[in-house]
Amino acid sequence: MSIIPDVSTPEDDLTGNWLCGGSIDAATLRNTAGAFPSGVTIITASAGSTPVGLTISSFASVSLDPPLLLVCVARTAGSLPAFRAGGPMAVNILANDQAWLAKRFASRHDDRFASVDYTLGPHGVPLLDGVSAWMDCHIARIYDGGDHVILLTRVHSVHRSDSMPLLYHSGAMYDWEQAATENTT
């Protein structure tokens, strides 16, 4: 039997009571949250006529009716201004053979789109070729999320391929099928 600590008091007496604004260091939180596997996405938009994009793993479906997604972007991301404008954007869910693409869009590479195949979606944002799926959206709301900005997006069109998605777990990327096979042997 586990005992749930009393979380009604805003102090930490080292017995498990909740400390409002407690001190969990970033590395410990990142390591713990890394126990939850996720897919890998690249969000894309346009800054004028220039395509912009970055790799993120903080992505979730929020609602089916209306169709809404949640995307979190670090405040330090160089391309954040293109997304703060509140216009069209896309979520590209990477296929299991696209780890190189995730690394490229996570880097400080000057032209992340050089030698990357994509088409412009119905709202003029890049949709990456070969992905497991993409969702063409527009940003409906922007919320403060600490060191991140939370984008609530409304989905307008979608596409899904037969490609298995890329998996991110504990700071590393994996081929979904390979990871499943390795864990069953």
N, C-alpha and C. Protein backbone atom coordinates (compact mmCIF):
# COMPACT_ATOMS: atom_id res chain seq x y z
N MET A 1 0.84 -1.17 0.00
CA MET A 1 0.00 0.00 0.00
C MET A 1 0.89 1.24 0.00
N SER A 2 0.55 2.19 -0.89
CA SER A 2 1.32 3.43 -0.90
C SER A 2 0.52 4.51 -0.20
N ILE A 3 1.24 5.40 0.40
CA ILE A 3 0.60 6.51 1.11
C ILE A 3 0.77 7.74 0.26
N ILE A 4 -0.34 8.37 -0.07
CA ILE A 4 -0.30 9.60 -0.86
C ILE A 4 -0.06 10.75 0.10
N PRO A 5 1.00 11.52 -0.15
CA PRO A 5 1.29 12.62 0.78
C PRO A 5 0.20 13.68 0.74
N ASP A 6 0.04 14.38 1.84
CA ASP A 6 -0.90 15.49 1.92
C ASP A 6 -0.35 16.63 1.08
N VAL A 7 -1.09 16.99 0.02
CA VAL A 7 -0.61 18.05 -0.86
C VAL A 7 -1.33 19.37 -0.60
N SER A 8 -2.06 19.44 0.49
CA SER A 8 -2.81 20.65 0.77
C SER A 8 -1.97 21.72 1.44
N THR A 9 -0.81 21.37 1.97
CA THR A 9 0.03 22.35 2.63
C THR A 9 1.14 22.80 1.69
N PRO A 10 1.40 24.10 1.62
CA PRO A 10 2.41 24.62 0.69
C PRO A 10 3.80 24.66 1.29
N GLU A 11 4.20 23.62 1.99
CA GLU A 11 5.54 23.59 2.56
C GLU A 11 6.10 22.19 2.44
N ASP A 12 7.41 22.10 2.50
CA ASP A 12 8.06 20.80 2.37
C ASP A 12 8.76 20.51 3.69
N ASP A 13 8.22 19.53 4.43
CA ASP A 13 8.84 19.18 5.70
C ASP A 13 9.66 17.90 5.57
N LEU A 14 10.04 17.57 4.32
CA LEU A 14 10.86 16.40 3.98
C LEU A 14 10.15 15.08 4.23
N THR A 15 8.84 15.12 4.45
CA THR A 15 8.07 13.88 4.62
C THR A 15 7.24 13.57 3.38
N GLY A 16 7.40 14.34 2.34
CA GLY A 16 6.64 14.11 1.13
C GLY A 16 5.56 15.13 0.88
N ASN A 17 5.42 16.08 1.79
CA ASN A 17 4.43 17.14 1.55
C ASN A 17 4.90 18.02 0.41
N TRP A 18 3.96 18.50 -0.34
CA TRP A 18 4.24 19.28 -1.53
C TRP A 18 4.77 20.66 -1.18
N LEU A 19 5.81 21.06 -1.88
CA LEU A 19 6.36 22.39 -1.74
C LEU A 19 5.92 23.18 -2.96
N CYS A 20 5.11 24.19 -2.77
CA CYS A 20 4.68 25.02 -3.90
C CYS A 20 5.92 25.63 -4.55
N GLY A 21 6.06 25.43 -5.85
CA GLY A 21 7.23 25.94 -6.54
C GLY A 21 8.48 25.20 -6.12
N GLY A 22 8.35 23.93 -5.79
CA GLY A 22 9.45 23.11 -5.30
C GLY A 22 10.67 23.14 -6.20
N SER A 23 11.75 22.65 -5.69
CA SER A 23 13.01 22.73 -6.42
C SER A 23 13.41 21.36 -6.99
N ILE A 24 12.97 21.11 -8.19
CA ILE A 24 13.42 19.92 -8.94
C ILE A 24 14.32 20.46 -10.03
N ASP A 25 15.55 20.01 -10.07
CA ASP A 25 16.45 20.56 -11.07
C ASP A 25 16.08 20.05 -12.47
N ALA A 26 16.42 20.84 -13.46
CA ALA A 26 16.03 20.57 -14.85
C ALA A 26 16.54 19.22 -15.35
N ALA A 27 17.77 18.85 -15.00
CA ALA A 27 18.33 17.58 -15.48
C ALA A 27 17.55 16.39 -14.93
N THR A 28 17.16 16.46 -13.66
CA THR A 28 16.40 15.37 -13.06
C THR A 28 15.02 15.26 -13.70
N LEU A 29 14.36 16.40 -13.91
CA LEU A 29 13.05 16.37 -14.56
C LEU A 29 13.14 15.85 -15.98
N ARG A 30 14.14 16.31 -16.74
CA ARG A 30 14.33 15.85 -18.13
C ARG A 30 14.56 14.35 -18.16
N ASN A 31 15.39 13.85 -17.26
CA ASN A 31 15.69 12.42 -17.19
C ASN A 31 14.44 11.61 -16.84
N THR A 32 13.66 12.09 -15.89
CA THR A 32 12.45 11.39 -15.48
C THR A 32 11.40 11.43 -16.59
N ALA A 33 11.17 12.59 -17.18
CA ALA A 33 10.19 12.70 -18.26
C ALA A 33 10.63 11.87 -19.47
N GLY A 34 11.94 11.67 -19.62
CA GLY A 34 12.46 10.87 -20.72
C GLY A 34 12.07 9.41 -20.65
N ALA A 35 11.53 8.97 -19.53
CA ALA A 35 11.05 7.59 -19.42
C ALA A 35 9.81 7.38 -20.26
N PHE A 36 9.16 8.48 -20.68
CA PHE A 36 7.97 8.38 -21.51
C PHE A 36 8.39 8.50 -22.97
N PRO A 37 8.23 7.44 -23.76
CA PRO A 37 8.63 7.53 -25.17
C PRO A 37 7.63 8.37 -25.96
N SER A 38 8.13 9.02 -26.98
CA SER A 38 7.26 9.84 -27.83
C SER A 38 7.74 9.73 -29.27
N GLY A 39 6.93 10.26 -30.14
CA GLY A 39 7.34 10.38 -31.52
C GLY A 39 8.20 11.62 -31.68
N VAL A 40 8.70 11.82 -32.87
CA VAL A 40 9.54 12.98 -33.16
C VAL A 40 8.87 13.75 -34.29
N THR A 41 8.72 15.04 -34.09
CA THR A 41 8.08 15.86 -35.11
C THR A 41 8.98 17.03 -35.49
N ILE A 42 8.72 17.55 -36.67
CA ILE A 42 9.30 18.82 -37.09
C ILE A 42 8.12 19.72 -37.40
N ILE A 43 8.06 20.87 -36.72
CA ILE A 43 7.02 21.81 -37.04
C ILE A 43 7.58 22.80 -38.06
N THR A 44 6.74 23.19 -39.00
CA THR A 44 7.19 24.08 -40.08
C THR A 44 6.20 25.23 -40.23
N ALA A 45 6.74 26.34 -40.70
CA ALA A 45 5.95 27.53 -40.99
C ALA A 45 6.73 28.32 -42.04
N SER A 46 6.26 29.50 -42.34
CA SER A 46 6.98 30.37 -43.27
C SER A 46 7.15 31.73 -42.62
N ALA A 47 8.34 32.28 -42.76
CA ALA A 47 8.62 33.65 -42.34
C ALA A 47 8.73 34.45 -43.62
N GLY A 48 7.63 35.02 -44.06
CA GLY A 48 7.60 35.64 -45.39
C GLY A 48 7.67 34.53 -46.42
N SER A 49 8.68 34.55 -47.27
CA SER A 49 8.85 33.49 -48.27
C SER A 49 9.90 32.46 -47.84
N THR A 50 10.42 32.60 -46.63
CA THR A 50 11.46 31.69 -46.14
C THR A 50 10.85 30.59 -45.28
N PRO A 51 11.09 29.32 -45.65
CA PRO A 51 10.58 28.24 -44.81
C PRO A 51 11.37 28.15 -43.51
N VAL A 52 10.68 27.88 -42.41
CA VAL A 52 11.33 27.69 -41.11
C VAL A 52 10.80 26.39 -40.50
N GLY A 53 11.62 25.78 -39.65
CA GLY A 53 11.19 24.56 -39.00
C GLY A 53 12.13 24.20 -37.86
N LEU A 54 11.60 23.41 -36.92
CA LEU A 54 12.42 22.92 -35.84
C LEU A 54 11.87 21.61 -35.31
N THR A 55 12.75 20.81 -34.74
CA THR A 55 12.40 19.50 -34.18
C THR A 55 11.82 19.69 -32.80
N ILE A 56 10.69 19.01 -32.55
CA ILE A 56 10.10 19.02 -31.22
C ILE A 56 9.57 17.63 -30.90
N SER A 57 9.48 17.33 -29.62
CA SER A 57 8.83 16.09 -29.21
C SER A 57 7.67 16.37 -28.26
N SER A 58 7.48 17.65 -27.91
CA SER A 58 6.35 18.03 -27.05
C SER A 58 5.15 18.35 -27.94
N PHE A 59 4.39 17.31 -28.23
CA PHE A 59 3.27 17.39 -29.16
C PHE A 59 2.19 16.42 -28.69
N ALA A 60 0.94 16.84 -28.78
CA ALA A 60 -0.16 15.95 -28.38
C ALA A 60 -1.45 16.35 -29.08
N SER A 61 -2.29 15.37 -29.30
CA SER A 61 -3.64 15.63 -29.77
C SER A 61 -4.46 16.09 -28.57
N VAL A 62 -5.25 17.15 -28.74
CA VAL A 62 -6.04 17.71 -27.65
C VAL A 62 -7.52 17.38 -27.81
N SER A 63 -8.04 17.54 -29.02
CA SER A 63 -9.47 17.39 -29.24
C SER A 63 -9.73 16.90 -30.66
N LEU A 64 -10.77 16.06 -30.79
CA LEU A 64 -11.20 15.62 -32.12
C LEU A 64 -12.25 16.55 -32.71
N ASP A 65 -13.05 17.20 -31.84
CA ASP A 65 -14.11 18.08 -32.31
C ASP A 65 -14.16 19.31 -31.43
N PRO A 66 -13.55 20.41 -31.82
CA PRO A 66 -12.85 20.62 -33.07
C PRO A 66 -11.47 19.96 -33.06
N PRO A 67 -10.87 19.75 -34.23
CA PRO A 67 -9.56 19.08 -34.28
C PRO A 67 -8.44 20.01 -33.82
N LEU A 68 -7.90 19.73 -32.61
CA LEU A 68 -6.88 20.59 -32.02
C LEU A 68 -5.65 19.80 -31.62
N LEU A 69 -4.50 20.41 -31.79
CA LEU A 69 -3.21 19.85 -31.36
C LEU A 69 -2.53 20.83 -30.42
N LEU A 70 -1.67 20.31 -29.56
CA LEU A 70 -0.85 21.11 -28.67
C LEU A 70 0.61 20.89 -29.06
N VAL A 71 1.33 21.97 -29.19
CA VAL A 71 2.75 21.93 -29.54
C VAL A 71 3.49 22.88 -28.62
N CYS A 72 4.60 22.43 -28.04
CA CYS A 72 5.39 23.27 -27.15
C CYS A 72 6.72 23.61 -27.80
N VAL A 73 7.07 24.90 -27.80
CA VAL A 73 8.29 25.38 -28.43
C VAL A 73 9.11 26.14 -27.39
N ALA A 74 10.39 25.82 -27.30
CA ALA A 74 11.28 26.51 -26.37
C ALA A 74 11.36 28.00 -26.71
N ARG A 75 11.34 28.82 -25.68
CA ARG A 75 11.44 30.27 -25.89
C ARG A 75 12.76 30.65 -26.55
N THR A 76 13.78 29.79 -26.43
CA THR A 76 15.09 30.08 -27.00
C THR A 76 15.20 29.67 -28.46
N ALA A 77 14.16 29.04 -29.02
CA ALA A 77 14.20 28.60 -30.42
C ALA A 77 14.30 29.80 -31.35
N GLY A 78 15.29 29.76 -32.22
CA GLY A 78 15.52 30.88 -33.15
C GLY A 78 14.36 31.14 -34.09
N SER A 79 13.60 30.11 -34.42
CA SER A 79 12.49 30.29 -35.36
C SER A 79 11.15 30.55 -34.65
N LEU A 80 11.17 30.72 -33.33
CA LEU A 80 9.92 30.96 -32.60
C LEU A 80 9.13 32.15 -33.14
N PRO A 81 9.76 33.27 -33.54
CA PRO A 81 8.96 34.39 -34.04
C PRO A 81 8.03 34.02 -35.21
N ALA A 82 8.44 33.10 -36.05
CA ALA A 82 7.58 32.68 -37.16
C ALA A 82 6.32 31.99 -36.66
N PHE A 83 6.41 31.32 -35.51
CA PHE A 83 5.27 30.62 -34.94
C PHE A 83 4.44 31.53 -34.03
N ARG A 84 5.07 32.52 -33.43
CA ARG A 84 4.34 33.45 -32.57
C ARG A 84 3.40 34.34 -33.37
N ALA A 85 3.60 34.42 -34.67
CA ALA A 85 2.76 35.26 -35.52
C ALA A 85 1.32 34.74 -35.55
N GLY A 86 1.11 33.48 -35.18
CA GLY A 86 -0.24 32.94 -35.11
C GLY A 86 -0.83 32.53 -36.43
N GLY A 87 -0.01 32.30 -37.42
CA GLY A 87 -0.50 31.93 -38.74
C GLY A 87 -0.50 30.43 -38.98
N PRO A 88 -0.43 30.05 -40.25
CA PRO A 88 -0.41 28.63 -40.60
C PRO A 88 0.90 27.96 -40.22
N MET A 89 0.82 26.68 -39.92
CA MET A 89 1.99 25.87 -39.61
C MET A 89 1.65 24.41 -39.90
N ALA A 90 2.63 23.55 -39.85
CA ALA A 90 2.40 22.11 -40.04
C ALA A 90 3.18 21.34 -38.99
N VAL A 91 2.63 20.18 -38.63
CA VAL A 91 3.31 19.22 -37.77
C VAL A 91 3.64 18.03 -38.66
N ASN A 92 4.93 17.74 -38.81
CA ASN A 92 5.41 16.62 -39.61
C ASN A 92 5.91 15.53 -38.68
N ILE A 93 5.24 14.39 -38.65
CA ILE A 93 5.63 13.27 -37.79
C ILE A 93 6.64 12.44 -38.56
N LEU A 94 7.87 12.39 -38.06
CA LEU A 94 8.96 11.77 -38.80
C LEU A 94 8.82 10.25 -38.88
N ALA A 95 9.27 9.71 -40.01
CA ALA A 95 9.31 8.26 -40.22
C ALA A 95 10.55 7.69 -39.56
N ASN A 96 10.55 6.38 -39.34
CA ASN A 96 11.62 5.72 -38.59
C ASN A 96 13.00 5.85 -39.23
N ASP A 97 13.10 6.23 -40.50
CA ASP A 97 14.41 6.39 -41.14
C ASP A 97 14.82 7.86 -41.27
N GLN A 98 14.18 8.74 -40.51
CA GLN A 98 14.45 10.17 -40.65
C GLN A 98 15.12 10.81 -39.43
N ALA A 99 15.89 10.02 -38.68
CA ALA A 99 16.61 10.58 -37.53
C ALA A 99 17.56 11.69 -37.98
N TRP A 100 18.14 11.54 -39.15
CA TRP A 100 19.05 12.57 -39.69
C TRP A 100 18.32 13.91 -39.84
N LEU A 101 17.05 13.83 -40.24
CA LEU A 101 16.26 15.04 -40.43
C LEU A 101 15.95 15.69 -39.07
N ALA A 102 15.64 14.88 -38.08
CA ALA A 102 15.40 15.40 -36.73
C ALA A 102 16.64 16.12 -36.21
N LYS A 103 17.81 15.52 -36.41
CA LYS A 103 19.06 16.14 -35.94
C LYS A 103 19.34 17.44 -36.69
N ARG A 104 19.08 17.45 -37.98
CA ARG A 104 19.32 18.66 -38.78
C ARG A 104 18.45 19.82 -38.28
N PHE A 105 17.15 19.55 -38.05
CA PHE A 105 16.24 20.61 -37.64
C PHE A 105 16.37 20.95 -36.16
N ALA A 106 17.11 20.15 -35.40
CA ALA A 106 17.40 20.46 -34.00
C ALA A 106 18.70 21.24 -33.87
N SER A 107 19.46 21.33 -34.95
CA SER A 107 20.77 21.98 -34.93
C SER A 107 20.65 23.48 -35.20
N ARG A 108 21.76 24.15 -35.15
CA ARG A 108 21.82 25.57 -35.48
C ARG A 108 22.18 25.77 -36.96
N HIS A 109 21.92 24.76 -37.77
CA HIS A 109 22.20 24.79 -39.21
C HIS A 109 21.55 26.02 -39.84
N ASP A 110 22.32 26.75 -40.66
CA ASP A 110 21.81 27.98 -41.26
C ASP A 110 20.62 27.75 -42.18
N ASP A 111 20.73 26.77 -43.07
CA ASP A 111 19.63 26.49 -43.99
C ASP A 111 19.17 25.06 -43.78
N ARG A 112 18.28 24.87 -42.85
CA ARG A 112 17.80 23.54 -42.50
C ARG A 112 17.09 22.86 -43.66
N PHE A 113 16.57 23.62 -44.60
CA PHE A 113 15.82 23.05 -45.72
C PHE A 113 16.68 22.70 -46.93
N ALA A 114 17.99 23.02 -46.88
CA ALA A 114 18.88 22.68 -48.00
C ALA A 114 18.90 21.16 -48.17
N SER A 115 18.67 20.69 -49.37
CA SER A 115 18.66 19.26 -49.72
C SER A 115 17.55 18.48 -49.02
N VAL A 116 16.53 19.16 -48.53
CA VAL A 116 15.38 18.50 -47.91
C VAL A 116 14.19 18.64 -48.86
N ASP A 117 13.60 17.51 -49.21
CA ASP A 117 12.45 17.53 -50.12
C ASP A 117 11.18 17.85 -49.36
N TYR A 118 10.42 18.80 -49.89
CA TYR A 118 9.14 19.17 -49.29
C TYR A 118 8.26 19.81 -50.36
N THR A 119 6.98 19.86 -50.06
CA THR A 119 6.03 20.58 -50.90
C THR A 119 5.34 21.61 -50.01
N LEU A 120 4.81 22.62 -50.64
CA LEU A 120 4.05 23.61 -49.87
C LEU A 120 2.62 23.12 -49.76
N GLY A 121 2.10 23.16 -48.53
CA GLY A 121 0.74 22.73 -48.26
C GLY A 121 -0.27 23.76 -48.72
N PRO A 122 -1.53 23.49 -48.49
CA PRO A 122 -2.59 24.39 -48.94
C PRO A 122 -2.51 25.81 -48.35
N HIS A 123 -1.82 25.96 -47.22
CA HIS A 123 -1.69 27.27 -46.60
C HIS A 123 -0.27 27.83 -46.72
N GLY A 124 0.53 27.23 -47.63
CA GLY A 124 1.85 27.77 -47.93
C GLY A 124 2.97 27.38 -46.99
N VAL A 125 2.76 26.37 -46.13
CA VAL A 125 3.83 25.95 -45.22
C VAL A 125 4.43 24.64 -45.71
N PRO A 126 5.71 24.40 -45.43
CA PRO A 126 6.38 23.19 -45.89
C PRO A 126 5.81 21.91 -45.25
N LEU A 127 5.53 20.94 -46.12
CA LEU A 127 5.15 19.59 -45.70
C LEU A 127 6.28 18.69 -46.16
N LEU A 128 6.98 18.07 -45.22
CA LEU A 128 8.18 17.30 -45.53
C LEU A 128 7.83 15.99 -46.21
N ASP A 129 8.62 15.64 -47.22
CA ASP A 129 8.42 14.38 -47.95
C ASP A 129 8.90 13.20 -47.11
N GLY A 130 8.23 12.06 -47.27
CA GLY A 130 8.67 10.82 -46.64
C GLY A 130 8.31 10.66 -45.18
N VAL A 131 7.54 11.59 -44.62
CA VAL A 131 7.19 11.50 -43.20
C VAL A 131 6.12 10.44 -42.98
N SER A 132 5.97 10.04 -41.74
CA SER A 132 4.94 9.08 -41.37
C SER A 132 3.55 9.73 -41.49
N ALA A 133 3.47 11.02 -41.16
CA ALA A 133 2.22 11.76 -41.28
C ALA A 133 2.51 13.25 -41.20
N TRP A 134 1.57 14.03 -41.71
CA TRP A 134 1.63 15.48 -41.50
C TRP A 134 0.23 16.01 -41.25
N MET A 135 0.20 17.15 -40.54
CA MET A 135 -1.05 17.84 -40.25
C MET A 135 -0.87 19.32 -40.54
N ASP A 136 -1.67 19.84 -41.44
CA ASP A 136 -1.64 21.25 -41.82
C ASP A 136 -2.59 21.99 -40.88
N CYS A 137 -2.09 23.02 -40.20
CA CYS A 137 -2.84 23.67 -39.11
C CYS A 137 -2.71 25.19 -39.19
N HIS A 138 -3.43 25.85 -38.33
CA HIS A 138 -3.14 27.25 -38.02
C HIS A 138 -3.15 27.40 -36.49
N ILE A 139 -2.40 28.36 -36.03
CA ILE A 139 -2.26 28.57 -34.59
C ILE A 139 -3.49 29.33 -34.09
N ALA A 140 -4.26 28.69 -33.22
CA ALA A 140 -5.49 29.28 -32.70
C ALA A 140 -5.24 30.10 -31.43
N ARG A 141 -4.34 29.61 -30.57
CA ARG A 141 -4.04 30.29 -29.30
C ARG A 141 -2.57 30.06 -28.95
N ILE A 142 -2.01 31.01 -28.22
CA ILE A 142 -0.64 30.90 -27.73
C ILE A 142 -0.68 31.15 -26.22
N TYR A 143 -0.07 30.23 -25.47
CA TYR A 143 -0.07 30.33 -24.00
C TYR A 143 1.35 30.32 -23.48
N ASP A 144 1.53 30.95 -22.31
CA ASP A 144 2.80 30.92 -21.61
C ASP A 144 2.97 29.54 -20.99
N GLY A 145 4.15 28.95 -21.13
CA GLY A 145 4.43 27.66 -20.52
C GLY A 145 5.82 27.64 -19.91
N GLY A 146 6.14 28.61 -19.07
CA GLY A 146 7.47 28.64 -18.43
C GLY A 146 8.54 28.94 -19.45
N ASP A 147 9.49 28.02 -19.62
CA ASP A 147 10.56 28.25 -20.58
C ASP A 147 10.14 27.83 -22.00
N HIS A 148 8.86 27.50 -22.17
CA HIS A 148 8.31 27.16 -23.48
C HIS A 148 7.08 28.02 -23.77
N VAL A 149 6.68 28.04 -25.02
CA VAL A 149 5.44 28.65 -25.46
C VAL A 149 4.56 27.50 -25.92
N ILE A 150 3.30 27.50 -25.51
CA ILE A 150 2.37 26.44 -25.87
C ILE A 150 1.49 26.94 -27.01
N LEU A 151 1.55 26.24 -28.13
CA LEU A 151 0.74 26.59 -29.29
C LEU A 151 -0.44 25.63 -29.36
N LEU A 152 -1.64 26.16 -29.36
CA LEU A 152 -2.84 25.36 -29.59
C LEU A 152 -3.21 25.58 -31.04
N THR A 153 -3.21 24.52 -31.82
CA THR A 153 -3.42 24.66 -33.26
C THR A 153 -4.69 23.94 -33.69
N ARG A 154 -5.32 24.47 -34.71
CA ARG A 154 -6.51 23.84 -35.31
C ARG A 154 -6.09 23.18 -36.61
N VAL A 155 -6.43 21.91 -36.75
CA VAL A 155 -6.02 21.11 -37.91
C VAL A 155 -7.00 21.32 -39.06
N HIS A 156 -6.44 21.53 -40.27
CA HIS A 156 -7.26 21.72 -41.47
C HIS A 156 -7.19 20.54 -42.42
N SER A 157 -6.02 19.94 -42.56
CA SER A 157 -5.90 18.77 -43.43
C SER A 157 -4.80 17.87 -42.89
N VAL A 158 -4.90 16.59 -43.23
CA VAL A 158 -3.97 15.58 -42.71
C VAL A 158 -3.58 14.61 -43.81
N HIS A 159 -2.46 13.95 -43.59
CA HIS A 159 -2.01 12.86 -44.47
C HIS A 159 -1.24 11.86 -43.63
N ARG A 160 -1.47 10.58 -43.86
CA ARG A 160 -0.73 9.53 -43.17
C ARG A 160 -0.22 8.55 -44.21
N SER A 161 1.05 8.15 -44.06
CA SER A 161 1.65 7.16 -44.95
C SER A 161 1.70 5.81 -44.22
N ASP A 162 2.29 4.82 -44.87
CA ASP A 162 2.47 3.51 -44.25
C ASP A 162 3.77 3.41 -43.45
N SER A 163 4.57 4.47 -43.44
CA SER A 163 5.86 4.46 -42.74
C SER A 163 5.67 4.43 -41.23
N MET A 164 6.46 3.62 -40.56
CA MET A 164 6.45 3.60 -39.10
C MET A 164 7.12 4.88 -38.59
N PRO A 165 6.67 5.42 -37.44
CA PRO A 165 7.24 6.65 -36.92
C PRO A 165 8.58 6.44 -36.21
N LEU A 166 9.31 7.54 -36.10
CA LEU A 166 10.56 7.58 -35.35
C LEU A 166 10.22 7.69 -33.87
N LEU A 167 10.94 6.99 -33.01
CA LEU A 167 10.69 6.96 -31.57
C LEU A 167 11.80 7.72 -30.83
N TYR A 168 11.42 8.52 -29.84
CA TYR A 168 12.36 9.24 -28.99
C TYR A 168 12.17 8.77 -27.56
N HIS A 169 13.25 8.33 -26.93
CA HIS A 169 13.17 7.82 -25.56
C HIS A 169 14.49 8.06 -24.85
N SER A 170 14.44 8.63 -23.68
CA SER A 170 15.61 8.88 -22.83
C SER A 170 16.76 9.54 -23.60
N GLY A 171 16.42 10.54 -24.40
CA GLY A 171 17.45 11.32 -25.08
C GLY A 171 18.00 10.71 -26.35
N ALA A 172 17.41 9.62 -26.84
CA ALA A 172 17.91 8.99 -28.06
C ALA A 172 16.74 8.67 -28.99
N MET A 173 17.04 8.56 -30.28
CA MET A 173 16.03 8.22 -31.28
C MET A 173 16.20 6.77 -31.70
N TYR A 174 15.05 6.11 -31.95
CA TYR A 174 15.04 4.70 -32.29
C TYR A 174 14.07 4.42 -33.43
N ASP A 175 14.42 3.42 -34.20
CA ASP A 175 13.48 2.86 -35.17
C ASP A 175 12.45 2.10 -34.35
N TRP A 176 11.19 2.44 -34.46
CA TRP A 176 10.11 1.87 -33.66
C TRP A 176 10.11 0.35 -33.71
N GLU A 177 10.18 -0.22 -34.92
CA GLU A 177 10.15 -1.68 -35.08
C GLU A 177 11.38 -2.33 -34.45
N GLN A 178 12.54 -1.72 -34.63
CA GLN A 178 13.78 -2.25 -34.05
C GLN A 178 13.71 -2.23 -32.53
N ALA A 179 13.21 -1.13 -31.95
CA ALA A 179 13.11 -1.02 -30.50
C ALA A 179 12.17 -2.08 -29.93
N ALA A 180 11.06 -2.32 -30.60
CA ALA A 180 10.09 -3.32 -30.14
C ALA A 180 10.70 -4.72 -30.21
N THR A 181 11.43 -5.01 -31.28
CA THR A 181 12.04 -6.33 -31.44
C THR A 181 13.13 -6.56 -30.40
N GLU A 182 13.97 -5.55 -30.16
CA GLU A 182 15.06 -5.67 -29.20
C GLU A 182 14.53 -5.88 -27.79
N ASN A 183 13.39 -5.33 -27.46
CA ASN A 183 12.84 -5.42 -26.11
C ASN A 183 12.08 -6.71 -25.87
N THR A 184 11.81 -7.49 -26.92
CA THR A 184 11.08 -8.75 -26.75
C THR A 184 12.00 -9.97 -26.78
N THR A 185 13.25 -9.76 -27.09
CA THR A 185 14.18 -10.91 -27.14
C THR A 185 14.96 -11.05 -25.86
